[in-house]
Amino acid sequence: KVSFEVIVVDNDEVKTIQKDIRKNYPAIIYLPNSNKGFGQGN
């Protein structure tokens, strides 16, 4: 019931999910990121 947004931070070295996210979930905010750990990604 509550409104929400989804933000995906991609810490993978090879960015393989961006195309599928854009195609299937265009409202998602996709942020490519160099992997500096889970906490930094959050």
PDB file of all heavy atoms in Angstrom:
ATOM      1  N   LYS A   1       0.825  -1.207   0.000  1.00  0.00           N
ATOM      2  CA  LYS A   1       0.000   0.000   0.000  1.00  0.00           C
ATOM      3  C   LYS A   1       0.860   1.259   0.000  1.00  0.00           C
ATOM      4  O   LYS A   1       0.493   2.265  -0.582  1.00  0.00           O
ATOM      5  CB  LYS A   1      -0.949  -0.011   1.200  1.00  0.00           C
ATOM      6  CG  LYS A   1      -2.008  -1.090   1.107  1.00  0.00           C
ATOM      7  CD  LYS A   1      -2.879  -1.134   2.345  1.00  0.00           C
ATOM      8  CE  LYS A   1      -3.815  -2.329   2.261  1.00  0.00           C
ATOM      9  NZ  LYS A   1      -4.322  -2.733   3.553  1.00  0.00           N
ATOM     10  N   VAL A   2       2.000   1.192   0.678  1.00  0.00           N
ATOM     11  CA  VAL A   2       2.875   2.363   0.729  1.00  0.00           C
ATOM     12  C   VAL A   2       3.608   2.509  -0.600  1.00  0.00           C
ATOM     13  O   VAL A   2       3.917   1.527  -1.268  1.00  0.00           O
ATOM     14  CB  VAL A   2       3.902   2.273   1.889  1.00  0.00           C
ATOM     15  CG1 VAL A   2       3.211   2.249   3.229  1.00  0.00           C
ATOM     16  CG2 VAL A   2       4.836   1.105   1.724  1.00  0.00           C
ATOM     17  N   SER A   3       3.853   3.739  -0.965  1.00  0.00           N
ATOM     18  CA  SER A   3       4.609   3.979  -2.191  1.00  0.00           C
ATOM     19  C   SER A   3       6.096   3.710  -1.922  1.00  0.00           C
ATOM     20  O   SER A   3       6.597   3.967  -0.830  1.00  0.00           O
ATOM     21  CB  SER A   3       4.401   5.407  -2.676  1.00  0.00           C
ATOM     22  OG  SER A   3       4.862   6.320  -1.708  1.00  0.00           O
ATOM     23  N   PHE A   4       6.743   3.164  -2.933  1.00  0.00           N
ATOM     24  CA  PHE A   4       8.167   2.877  -2.771  1.00  0.00           C
ATOM     25  C   PHE A   4       8.898   3.036  -4.094  1.00  0.00           C
ATOM     26  O   PHE A   4       8.309   2.952  -5.162  1.00  0.00           O
ATOM     27  CB  PHE A   4       8.388   1.472  -2.193  1.00  0.00           C
ATOM     28  CG  PHE A   4       7.967   0.340  -3.089  1.00  0.00           C
ATOM     29  CD1 PHE A   4       8.875  -0.258  -3.951  1.00  0.00           C
ATOM     30  CD2 PHE A   4       6.664  -0.137  -3.056  1.00  0.00           C
ATOM     31  CE1 PHE A   4       8.489  -1.305  -4.772  1.00  0.00           C
ATOM     32  CE2 PHE A   4       6.267  -1.190  -3.869  1.00  0.00           C
ATOM     33  CZ  PHE A   4       7.186  -1.771  -4.734  1.00  0.00           C
ATOM     34  N   GLU A   5      10.174   3.294  -3.957  1.00  0.00           N
ATOM     35  CA  GLU A   5      11.075   3.293  -5.097  1.00  0.00           C
ATOM     36  C   GLU A   5      12.101   2.196  -4.848  1.00  0.00           C
ATOM     37  O   GLU A   5      12.326   1.797  -3.703  1.00  0.00           O
ATOM     38  CB  GLU A   5      11.766   4.645  -5.257  1.00  0.00           C
ATOM     39  CG  GLU A   5      12.749   4.967  -4.142  1.00  0.00           C
ATOM     40  CD  GLU A   5      13.468   6.288  -4.326  1.00  0.00           C
ATOM     41  OE1 GLU A   5      13.401   6.894  -5.415  1.00  0.00           O
ATOM     42  OE2 GLU A   5      14.116   6.732  -3.355  1.00  0.00           O
ATOM     43  N   VAL A   6      12.702   1.716  -5.918  1.00  0.00           N
ATOM     44  CA  VAL A   6      13.743   0.703  -5.792  1.00  0.00           C
ATOM     45  C   VAL A   6      15.029   1.268  -6.383  1.00  0.00           C
ATOM     46  O   VAL A   6      15.031   1.777  -7.508  1.00  0.00           O
ATOM     47  CB  VAL A   6      13.361  -0.604  -6.511  1.00  0.00           C
ATOM     48  CG1 VAL A   6      14.481  -1.623  -6.410  1.00  0.00           C
ATOM     49  CG2 VAL A   6      12.068  -1.172  -5.926  1.00  0.00           C
ATOM     50  N   ILE A   7      16.084   1.177  -5.606  1.00  0.00           N
ATOM     51  CA  ILE A   7      17.409   1.608  -6.036  1.00  0.00           C
ATOM     52  C   ILE A   7      18.312   0.381  -6.013  1.00  0.00           C
ATOM     53  O   ILE A   7      18.446  -0.274  -4.976  1.00  0.00           O
ATOM     54  CB  ILE A   7      17.974   2.699  -5.102  1.00  0.00           C
ATOM     55  CG1 ILE A   7      17.053   3.918  -5.091  1.00  0.00           C
ATOM     56  CG2 ILE A   7      19.405   3.071  -5.500  1.00  0.00           C
ATOM     57  CD1 ILE A   7      17.384   4.949  -4.036  1.00  0.00           C
ATOM     58  N   VAL A   8      18.895   0.067  -7.156  1.00  0.00           N
ATOM     59  CA  VAL A   8      19.817  -1.061  -7.253  1.00  0.00           C
ATOM     60  C   VAL A   8      21.224  -0.515  -7.437  1.00  0.00           C
ATOM     61  O   VAL A   8      21.482   0.253  -8.372  1.00  0.00           O
ATOM     62  CB  VAL A   8      19.455  -1.990  -8.425  1.00  0.00           C
ATOM     63  CG1 VAL A   8      20.527  -3.053  -8.627  1.00  0.00           C
ATOM     64  CG2 VAL A   8      18.095  -2.641  -8.181  1.00  0.00           C
ATOM     65  N   VAL A   9      22.106  -0.887  -6.536  1.00  0.00           N
ATOM     66  CA  VAL A   9      23.515  -0.523  -6.624  1.00  0.00           C
ATOM     67  C   VAL A   9      24.247  -1.766  -7.110  1.00  0.00           C
ATOM     68  O   VAL A   9      24.232  -2.799  -6.434  1.00  0.00           O
ATOM     69  CB  VAL A   9      24.058  -0.048  -5.262  1.00  0.00           C
ATOM     70  CG1 VAL A   9      25.533   0.312  -5.378  1.00  0.00           C
ATOM     71  CG2 VAL A   9      23.253   1.133  -4.745  1.00  0.00           C
ATOM     72  N   ASP A  10      24.848  -1.675  -8.278  1.00  0.00           N
ATOM     73  CA  ASP A  10      25.501  -2.829  -8.890  1.00  0.00           C
ATOM     74  C   ASP A  10      26.991  -2.828  -8.553  1.00  0.00           C
ATOM     75  O   ASP A  10      27.769  -2.095  -9.144  1.00  0.00           O
ATOM     76  CB  ASP A  10      25.282  -2.804 -10.405  1.00  0.00           C
ATOM     77  CG  ASP A  10      25.679  -4.108 -11.070  1.00  0.00           C
ATOM     78  OD1 ASP A  10      26.227  -5.003 -10.387  1.00  0.00           O
ATOM     79  OD2 ASP A  10      25.438  -4.237 -12.282  1.00  0.00           O
ATOM     80  N   ASN A  11      27.372  -3.674  -7.590  1.00  0.00           N
ATOM     81  CA  ASN A  11      28.768  -3.785  -7.161  1.00  0.00           C
ATOM     82  C   ASN A  11      29.539  -4.836  -7.954  1.00  0.00           C
ATOM     83  O   ASN A  11      30.714  -5.044  -7.699  1.00  0.00           O
ATOM     84  CB  ASN A  11      28.839  -4.137  -5.668  1.00  0.00           C
ATOM     85  CG  ASN A  11      28.850  -2.918  -4.776  1.00  0.00           C
ATOM     86  OD1 ASN A  11      28.696  -1.799  -5.229  1.00  0.00           O
ATOM     87  ND2 ASN A  11      29.022  -3.128  -3.486  1.00  0.00           N
ATOM     88  N   ASP A  12      28.891  -5.507  -8.877  1.00  0.00           N
ATOM     89  CA  ASP A  12      29.565  -6.539  -9.671  1.00  0.00           C
ATOM     90  C   ASP A  12      30.644  -5.915 -10.554  1.00  0.00           C
ATOM     91  O   ASP A  12      30.469  -4.802 -11.057  1.00  0.00           O
ATOM     92  CB  ASP A  12      28.558  -7.272 -10.564  1.00  0.00           C
ATOM     93  CG  ASP A  12      28.513  -8.760 -10.280  1.00  0.00           C
ATOM     94  OD1 ASP A  12      29.437  -9.282  -9.612  1.00  0.00           O
ATOM     95  OD2 ASP A  12      27.565  -9.410 -10.722  1.00  0.00           O
ATOM     96  N   GLU A  13      31.736  -6.645 -10.751  1.00  0.00           N
ATOM     97  CA  GLU A  13      32.796  -6.153 -11.636  1.00  0.00           C
ATOM     98  C   GLU A  13      32.285  -6.051 -13.072  1.00  0.00           C
ATOM     99  O   GLU A  13      32.579  -5.096 -13.777  1.00  0.00           O
ATOM    100  CB  GLU A  13      34.017  -7.101 -11.603  1.00  0.00           C
ATOM    101  CG  GLU A  13      34.750  -7.116 -10.276  1.00  0.00           C
ATOM    102  CD  GLU A  13      34.163  -8.117  -9.286  1.00  0.00           C
ATOM    103  OE1 GLU A  13      33.300  -8.938  -9.661  1.00  0.00           O
ATOM    104  OE2 GLU A  13      34.567  -8.064  -8.113  1.00  0.00           O
ATOM    105  N   VAL A  14      31.551  -7.055 -13.516  1.00  0.00           N
ATOM    106  CA  VAL A  14      30.964  -7.070 -14.851  1.00  0.00           C
ATOM    107  C   VAL A  14      29.481  -6.732 -14.691  1.00  0.00           C
ATOM    108  O   VAL A  14      28.752  -7.446 -14.019  1.00  0.00           O
ATOM    109  CB  VAL A  14      31.145  -8.447 -15.529  1.00  0.00           C
ATOM    110  CG1 VAL A  14      30.503  -8.442 -16.905  1.00  0.00           C
ATOM    111  CG2 VAL A  14      32.617  -8.809 -15.606  1.00  0.00           C
ATOM    112  N   LYS A  15      29.063  -5.638 -15.291  1.00  0.00           N
ATOM    113  CA  LYS A  15      27.696  -5.142 -15.129  1.00  0.00           C
ATOM    114  C   LYS A  15      26.751  -5.872 -16.093  1.00  0.00           C
ATOM    115  O   LYS A  15      26.543  -5.445 -17.218  1.00  0.00           O
ATOM    116  CB  LYS A  15      27.639  -3.630 -15.371  1.00  0.00           C
ATOM    117  CG  LYS A  15      28.659  -2.821 -14.598  1.00  0.00           C
ATOM    118  CD  LYS A  15      28.490  -2.952 -13.105  1.00  0.00           C
ATOM    119  CE  LYS A  15      29.446  -2.025 -12.366  1.00  0.00           C
ATOM    120  NZ  LYS A  15      29.839  -2.503 -11.086  1.00  0.00           N
ATOM    121  N   THR A  16      26.179  -6.995 -15.622  1.00  0.00           N
ATOM    122  CA  THR A  16      25.352  -7.844 -16.487  1.00  0.00           C
ATOM    123  C   THR A  16      23.850  -7.620 -16.315  1.00  0.00           C
ATOM    124  O   THR A  16      23.071  -8.077 -17.132  1.00  0.00           O
ATOM    125  CB  THR A  16      25.645  -9.325 -16.211  1.00  0.00           C
ATOM    126  OG1 THR A  16      25.352  -9.605 -14.829  1.00  0.00           O
ATOM    127  CG2 THR A  16      27.088  -9.677 -16.515  1.00  0.00           C
ATOM    128  N   ILE A  17      23.436  -6.922 -15.271  1.00  0.00           N
ATOM    129  CA  ILE A  17      22.004  -6.823 -14.968  1.00  0.00           C
ATOM    130  C   ILE A  17      21.341  -5.561 -15.508  1.00  0.00           C
ATOM    131  O   ILE A  17      20.123  -5.475 -15.562  1.00  0.00           O
ATOM    132  CB  ILE A  17      21.736  -6.925 -13.455  1.00  0.00           C
ATOM    133  CG1 ILE A  17      22.415  -5.777 -12.706  1.00  0.00           C
ATOM    134  CG2 ILE A  17      22.162  -8.282 -12.922  1.00  0.00           C
ATOM    135  CD1 ILE A  17      22.010  -5.657 -11.256  1.00  0.00           C
ATOM    136  N   GLN A  18      22.126  -4.579 -15.907  1.00  0.00           N
ATOM    137  CA  GLN A  18      21.567  -3.283 -16.302  1.00  0.00           C
ATOM    138  C   GLN A  18      20.553  -3.415 -17.432  1.00  0.00           C
ATOM    139  O   GLN A  18      19.471  -2.835 -17.370  1.00  0.00           O
ATOM    140  CB  GLN A  18      22.663  -2.314 -16.685  1.00  0.00           C
ATOM    141  CG  GLN A  18      22.125  -0.939 -17.052  1.00  0.00           C
ATOM    142  CD  GLN A  18      23.215   0.072 -17.333  1.00  0.00           C
ATOM    143  OE1 GLN A  18      24.388  -0.261 -17.404  1.00  0.00           O
ATOM    144  NE2 GLN A  18      22.825   1.314 -17.490  1.00  0.00           N
ATOM    145  N   LYS A  19      20.873  -4.169 -18.464  1.00  0.00           N
ATOM    146  CA  LYS A  19      19.977  -4.295 -19.615  1.00  0.00           C
ATOM    147  C   LYS A  19      18.642  -4.910 -19.198  1.00  0.00           C
ATOM    148  O   LYS A  19      17.577  -4.428 -19.596  1.00  0.00           O
ATOM    149  CB  LYS A  19      20.632  -5.155 -20.697  1.00  0.00           C
ATOM    150  CG  LYS A  19      19.792  -5.255 -21.960  1.00  0.00           C
ATOM    151  CD  LYS A  19      20.423  -6.183 -22.980  1.00  0.00           C
ATOM    152  CE  LYS A  19      21.408  -5.404 -23.815  1.00  0.00           C
ATOM    153  NZ  LYS A  19      21.965  -6.212 -24.920  1.00  0.00           N
ATOM    154  N   ASP A  20      18.671  -5.970 -18.377  1.00  0.00           N
ATOM    155  CA  ASP A  20      17.430  -6.615 -17.928  1.00  0.00           C
ATOM    156  C   ASP A  20      16.615  -5.697 -17.017  1.00  0.00           C
ATOM    157  O   ASP A  20      15.388  -5.700 -17.065  1.00  0.00           O
ATOM    158  CB  ASP A  20      17.727  -7.932 -17.212  1.00  0.00           C
ATOM    159  CG  ASP A  20      18.146  -9.026 -18.176  1.00  0.00           C
ATOM    160  OD1 ASP A  20      17.728  -8.981 -19.347  1.00  0.00           O
ATOM    161  OD2 ASP A  20      18.892  -9.925 -17.746  1.00  0.00           O
ATOM    162  N   ILE A  21      17.291  -4.934 -16.189  1.00  0.00           N
ATOM    163  CA  ILE A  21      16.568  -3.985 -15.327  1.00  0.00           C
ATOM    164  C   ILE A  21      15.874  -2.929 -16.181  1.00  0.00           C
ATOM    165  O   ILE A  21      14.693  -2.645 -15.988  1.00  0.00           O
ATOM    166  CB  ILE A  21      17.519  -3.329 -14.305  1.00  0.00           C
ATOM    167  CG1 ILE A  21      17.910  -4.343 -13.228  1.00  0.00           C
ATOM    168  CG2 ILE A  21      16.865  -2.101 -13.662  1.00  0.00           C
ATOM    169  CD1 ILE A  21      18.926  -3.836 -12.249  1.00  0.00           C
ATOM    170  N   ARG A  22      16.603  -2.338 -17.110  1.00  0.00           N
ATOM    171  CA  ARG A  22      16.020  -1.291 -17.965  1.00  0.00           C
ATOM    172  C   ARG A  22      14.822  -1.820 -18.754  1.00  0.00           C
ATOM    173  O   ARG A  22      13.837  -1.121 -18.924  1.00  0.00           O
ATOM    174  CB  ARG A  22      17.076  -0.756 -18.934  1.00  0.00           C
ATOM    175  CG  ARG A  22      18.228  -0.076 -18.260  1.00  0.00           C
ATOM    176  CD  ARG A  22      17.911   1.379 -17.977  1.00  0.00           C
ATOM    177  NE  ARG A  22      19.086   2.049 -17.457  1.00  0.00           N
ATOM    178  CZ  ARG A  22      19.162   2.572 -16.246  1.00  0.00           C
ATOM    179  NH1 ARG A  22      18.139   2.503 -15.435  1.00  0.00           N
ATOM    180  NH2 ARG A  22      20.247   3.172 -15.837  1.00  0.00           N
ATOM    181  N   LYS A  23      14.930  -3.059 -19.225  1.00  0.00           N
ATOM    182  CA  LYS A  23      13.866  -3.651 -20.032  1.00  0.00           C
ATOM    183  C   LYS A  23      12.648  -4.038 -19.191  1.00  0.00           C
ATOM    184  O   LYS A  23      11.514  -3.729 -19.552  1.00  0.00           O
ATOM    185  CB  LYS A  23      14.402  -4.892 -20.749  1.00  0.00           C
ATOM    186  CG  LYS A  23      13.374  -5.617 -21.576  1.00  0.00           C
ATOM    187  CD  LYS A  23      13.976  -6.848 -22.223  1.00  0.00           C
ATOM    188  CE  LYS A  23      12.890  -7.615 -22.960  1.00  0.00           C
ATOM    189  NZ  LYS A  23      13.393  -8.893 -23.453  1.00  0.00           N
ATOM    190  N   ASN A  24      12.859  -4.706 -18.068  1.00  0.00           N
ATOM    191  CA  ASN A  24      11.757  -5.268 -17.284  1.00  0.00           C
ATOM    192  C   ASN A  24      11.294  -4.401 -16.117  1.00  0.00           C
ATOM    193  O   ASN A  24      10.173  -4.570 -15.636  1.00  0.00           O
ATOM    194  CB  ASN A  24      12.159  -6.654 -16.755  1.00  0.00           C
ATOM    195  CG  ASN A  24      12.450  -7.612 -17.878  1.00  0.00           C
ATOM    196  OD1 ASN A  24      11.683  -7.723 -18.827  1.00  0.00           O
ATOM    197  ND2 ASN A  24      13.574  -8.310 -17.794  1.00  0.00           N
ATOM    198  N   TYR A  25      12.140  -3.508 -15.643  1.00  0.00           N
ATOM    199  CA  TYR A  25      11.810  -2.658 -14.486  1.00  0.00           C
ATOM    200  C   TYR A  25      12.306  -1.229 -14.746  1.00  0.00           C
ATOM    201  O   TYR A  25      13.228  -0.748 -14.078  1.00  0.00           O
ATOM    202  CB  TYR A  25      12.455  -3.214 -13.213  1.00  0.00           C
ATOM    203  CG  TYR A  25      12.068  -4.631 -12.891  1.00  0.00           C
ATOM    204  CD1 TYR A  25      12.871  -5.702 -13.267  1.00  0.00           C
ATOM    205  CD2 TYR A  25      10.891  -4.900 -12.206  1.00  0.00           C
ATOM    206  CE1 TYR A  25      12.517  -7.005 -12.965  1.00  0.00           C
ATOM    207  CE2 TYR A  25      10.525  -6.204 -11.902  1.00  0.00           C
ATOM    208  CZ  TYR A  25      11.347  -7.250 -12.296  1.00  0.00           C
ATOM    209  OH  TYR A  25      10.989  -8.540 -11.992  1.00  0.00           O
ATOM    210  N   PRO A  26      11.723  -0.532 -15.701  1.00  0.00           N
ATOM    211  CA  PRO A  26      12.250   0.786 -16.077  1.00  0.00           C
ATOM    212  C   PRO A  26      12.182   1.845 -14.972  1.00  0.00           C
ATOM    213  O   PRO A  26      12.922   2.828 -15.028  1.00  0.00           O
ATOM    214  CB  PRO A  26      11.380   1.181 -17.272  1.00  0.00           C
ATOM    215  CG  PRO A  26      10.158   0.338 -17.174  1.00  0.00           C
ATOM    216  CD  PRO A  26      10.558  -0.924 -16.486  1.00  0.00           C
ATOM    217  N   ALA A  27      11.353   1.642 -13.976  1.00  0.00           N
ATOM    218  CA  ALA A  27      11.242   2.630 -12.890  1.00  0.00           C
ATOM    219  C   ALA A  27      12.383   2.505 -11.875  1.00  0.00           C
ATOM    220  O   ALA A  27      12.603   3.419 -11.077  1.00  0.00           O
ATOM    221  CB  ALA A  27       9.898   2.479 -12.178  1.00  0.00           C
ATOM    222  N   ILE A  28      13.104   1.407 -11.906  1.00  0.00           N
ATOM    223  CA  ILE A  28      14.188   1.201 -10.941  1.00  0.00           C
ATOM    224  C   ILE A  28      15.327   2.174 -11.227  1.00  0.00           C
ATOM    225  O   ILE A  28      15.692   2.421 -12.375  1.00  0.00           O
ATOM    226  CB  ILE A  28      14.694  -0.258 -10.994  1.00  0.00           C
ATOM    227  CG1 ILE A  28      13.668  -1.176 -10.320  1.00  0.00           C
ATOM    228  CG2 ILE A  28      16.059  -0.403 -10.332  1.00  0.00           C
ATOM    229  CD1 ILE A  28      14.048  -2.639 -10.331  1.00  0.00           C
ATOM    230  N   ILE A  29      15.877   2.711 -10.162  1.00  0.00           N
ATOM    231  CA  ILE A  29      17.064   3.556 -10.260  1.00  0.00           C
ATOM    232  C   ILE A  29      18.264   2.619 -10.202  1.00  0.00           C
ATOM    233  O   ILE A  29      18.479   1.930  -9.209  1.00  0.00           O
ATOM    234  CB  ILE A  29      17.103   4.582  -9.112  1.00  0.00           C
ATOM    235  CG1 ILE A  29      15.883   5.498  -9.189  1.00  0.00           C
ATOM    236  CG2 ILE A  29      18.405   5.377  -9.153  1.00  0.00           C
ATOM    237  CD1 ILE A  29      15.633   6.280  -7.928  1.00  0.00           C
ATOM    238  N   TYR A  30      19.026   2.571 -11.280  1.00  0.00           N
ATOM    239  CA  TYR A  30      20.184   1.686 -11.383  1.00  0.00           C
ATOM    240  C   TYR A  30      21.454   2.506 -11.232  1.00  0.00           C
ATOM    241  O   TYR A  30      21.663   3.481 -11.961  1.00  0.00           O
ATOM    242  CB  TYR A  30      20.182   0.959 -12.732  1.00  0.00           C
ATOM    243  CG  TYR A  30      21.432   0.157 -12.979  1.00  0.00           C
ATOM    244  CD1 TYR A  30      21.572  -1.120 -12.451  1.00  0.00           C
ATOM    245  CD2 TYR A  30      22.470   0.673 -13.739  1.00  0.00           C
ATOM    246  CE1 TYR A  30      22.728  -1.860 -12.672  1.00  0.00           C
ATOM    247  CE2 TYR A  30      23.628  -0.052 -13.968  1.00  0.00           C
ATOM    248  CZ  TYR A  30      23.748  -1.313 -13.429  1.00  0.00           C
ATOM    249  OH  TYR A  30      24.901  -2.045 -13.643  1.00  0.00           O
ATOM    250  N   LEU A  31      22.302   2.105 -10.275  1.00  0.00           N
ATOM    251  CA  LEU A  31      23.543   2.823 -10.024  1.00  0.00           C
ATOM    252  C   LEU A  31      24.725   1.871 -10.144  1.00  0.00           C
ATOM    253  O   LEU A  31      24.939   1.024  -9.267  1.00  0.00           O
ATOM    254  CB  LEU A  31      23.527   3.438  -8.619  1.00  0.00           C
ATOM    255  CG  LEU A  31      22.381   4.390  -8.289  1.00  0.00           C
ATOM    256  CD1 LEU A  31      22.421   4.786  -6.820  1.00  0.00           C
ATOM    257  CD2 LEU A  31      22.437   5.614  -9.180  1.00  0.00           C
ATOM    258  N   PRO A  32      25.502   1.961 -11.223  1.00  0.00           N
ATOM    259  CA  PRO A  32      26.716   1.149 -11.292  1.00  0.00           C
ATOM    260  C   PRO A  32      27.709   1.667 -10.257  1.00  0.00           C
ATOM    261  O   PRO A  32      27.777   2.876  -9.997  1.00  0.00           O
ATOM    262  CB  PRO A  32      27.216   1.374 -12.719  1.00  0.00           C
ATOM    263  CG  PRO A  32      26.559   2.618 -13.198  1.00  0.00           C
ATOM    264  CD  PRO A  32      25.312   2.800 -12.396  1.00  0.00           C
ATOM    265  N   ASN A  33      28.449   0.750  -9.658  1.00  0.00           N
ATOM    266  CA  ASN A  33      29.332   1.130  -8.564  1.00  0.00           C
ATOM    267  C   ASN A  33      30.550   0.215  -8.564  1.00  0.00           C
ATOM    268  O   ASN A  33      30.434  -0.966  -8.857  1.00  0.00           O
ATOM    269  CB  ASN A  33      28.565   0.999  -7.233  1.00  0.00           C
ATOM    270  CG  ASN A  33      29.300   1.603  -6.066  1.00  0.00           C
ATOM    271  OD1 ASN A  33      29.832   2.699  -6.153  1.00  0.00           O
ATOM    272  ND2 ASN A  33      29.332   0.887  -4.954  1.00  0.00           N
ATOM    273  N   SER A  34      31.706   0.757  -8.222  1.00  0.00           N
ATOM    274  CA  SER A  34      32.858  -0.112  -8.026  1.00  0.00           C
ATOM    275  C   SER A  34      32.704  -0.749  -6.648  1.00  0.00           C
ATOM    276  O   SER A  34      32.219  -0.120  -5.713  1.00  0.00           O
ATOM    277  CB  SER A  34      34.161   0.674  -8.135  1.00  0.00           C
ATOM    278  OG  SER A  34      34.208   1.693  -7.169  1.00  0.00           O
ATOM    279  N   ASN A  35      33.081  -1.991  -6.542  1.00  0.00           N
ATOM    280  CA  ASN A  35      32.845  -2.744  -5.313  1.00  0.00           C
ATOM    281  C   ASN A  35      33.818  -2.325  -4.220  1.00  0.00           C
ATOM    282  O   ASN A  35      34.987  -2.699  -4.221  1.00  0.00           O
ATOM    283  CB  ASN A  35      32.963  -4.250  -5.590  1.00  0.00           C
ATOM    284  CG  ASN A  35      32.609  -5.073  -4.370  1.00  0.00           C
ATOM    285  OD1 ASN A  35      32.116  -4.550  -3.377  1.00  0.00           O
ATOM    286  ND2 ASN A  35      32.845  -6.355  -4.440  1.00  0.00           N
ATOM    287  N   LYS A  36      33.287  -1.559  -3.284  1.00  0.00           N
ATOM    288  CA  LYS A  36      34.055  -1.179  -2.097  1.00  0.00           C
ATOM    289  C   LYS A  36      33.373  -1.728  -0.856  1.00  0.00           C
ATOM    290  O   LYS A  36      33.523  -1.205   0.238  1.00  0.00           O
ATOM    291  CB  LYS A  36      34.196   0.335  -2.030  1.00  0.00           C
ATOM    292  CG  LYS A  36      35.025   0.889  -3.167  1.00  0.00           C
ATOM    293  CD  LYS A  36      35.154   2.382  -3.092  1.00  0.00           C
ATOM    294  CE  LYS A  36      35.918   2.862  -4.310  1.00  0.00           C
ATOM    295  NZ  LYS A  36      35.473   4.169  -4.745  1.00  0.00           N
ATOM    296  N   GLY A  37      32.568  -2.762  -1.056  1.00  0.00           N
ATOM    297  CA  GLY A  37      31.918  -3.425   0.065  1.00  0.00           C
ATOM    298  C   GLY A  37      30.423  -3.156   0.120  1.00  0.00           C
ATOM    299  O   GLY A  37      29.902  -2.237  -0.506  1.00  0.00           O
ATOM    300  N   PHE A  38      29.757  -4.009   0.880  1.00  0.00           N
ATOM    301  CA  PHE A  38      28.310  -3.959   1.026  1.00  0.00           C
ATOM    302  C   PHE A  38      27.846  -2.652   1.671  1.00  0.00           C
ATOM    303  O   PHE A  38      26.903  -2.014   1.211  1.00  0.00           O
ATOM    304  CB  PHE A  38      27.855  -5.164   1.860  1.00  0.00           C
ATOM    305  CG  PHE A  38      26.378  -5.245   2.079  1.00  0.00           C
ATOM    306  CD1 PHE A  38      25.520  -5.567   1.043  1.00  0.00           C
ATOM    307  CD2 PHE A  38      25.842  -5.016   3.333  1.00  0.00           C
ATOM    308  CE1 PHE A  38      24.150  -5.652   1.241  1.00  0.00           C
ATOM    309  CE2 PHE A  38      24.470  -5.098   3.548  1.00  0.00           C
ATOM    310  CZ  PHE A  38      23.625  -5.412   2.496  1.00  0.00           C
ATOM    311  N   GLY A  39      28.514  -2.241   2.724  1.00  0.00           N
ATOM    312  CA  GLY A  39      28.134  -1.007   3.420  1.00  0.00           C
ATOM    313  C   GLY A  39      28.263   0.217   2.529  1.00  0.00           C
ATOM    314  O   GLY A  39      27.368   1.068   2.493  1.00  0.00           O
ATOM    315  N   GLN A  40      29.364   0.301   1.796  1.00  0.00           N
ATOM    316  CA  GLN A  40      29.570   1.430   0.898  1.00  0.00           C
ATOM    317  C   GLN A  40      28.506   1.437  -0.192  1.00  0.00           C
ATOM    318  O   GLN A  40      27.993   2.485  -0.561  1.00  0.00           O
ATOM    319  CB  GLN A  40      30.980   1.371   0.289  1.00  0.00           C
ATOM    320  CG  GLN A  40      31.354   2.582  -0.539  1.00  0.00           C
ATOM    321  CD  GLN A  40      31.038   2.445  -2.023  1.00  0.00           C
ATOM    322  OE1 GLN A  40      30.593   1.413  -2.508  1.00  0.00           O
ATOM    323  NE2 GLN A  40      31.266   3.524  -2.751  1.00  0.00           N
ATOM    324  N   GLY A  41      28.154   0.250  -0.695  1.00  0.00           N
ATOM    325  CA  GLY A  41      27.099   0.158  -1.706  1.00  0.00           C
ATOM    326  C   GLY A  41      25.776   0.683  -1.180  1.00  0.00           C
ATOM    327  O   GLY A  41      25.045   1.392  -1.879  1.00  0.00           O
ATOM    328  N   ASN A  42      25.437   0.339   0.056  1.00  0.00           N
ATOM    329  CA  ASN A  42      24.207   0.855   0.663  1.00  0.00           C
ATOM    330  C   ASN A  42      24.255   2.368   0.816  1.00  0.00           C
ATOM    331  O   ASN A  42      23.250   3.051   0.601  1.00  0.00           O
ATOM    332  CB  ASN A  42      23.954   0.182   2.012  1.00  0.00           C
ATOM    333  CG  ASN A  42      23.343  -1.178   1.860  1.00  0.00           C
ATOM    334  OD1 ASN A  42      22.325  -1.343   1.190  1.00  0.00           O
ATOM    335  ND2 ASN A  42      23.956  -2.181   2.458  1.00  0.00           N
TER     336      ASN A  42
END
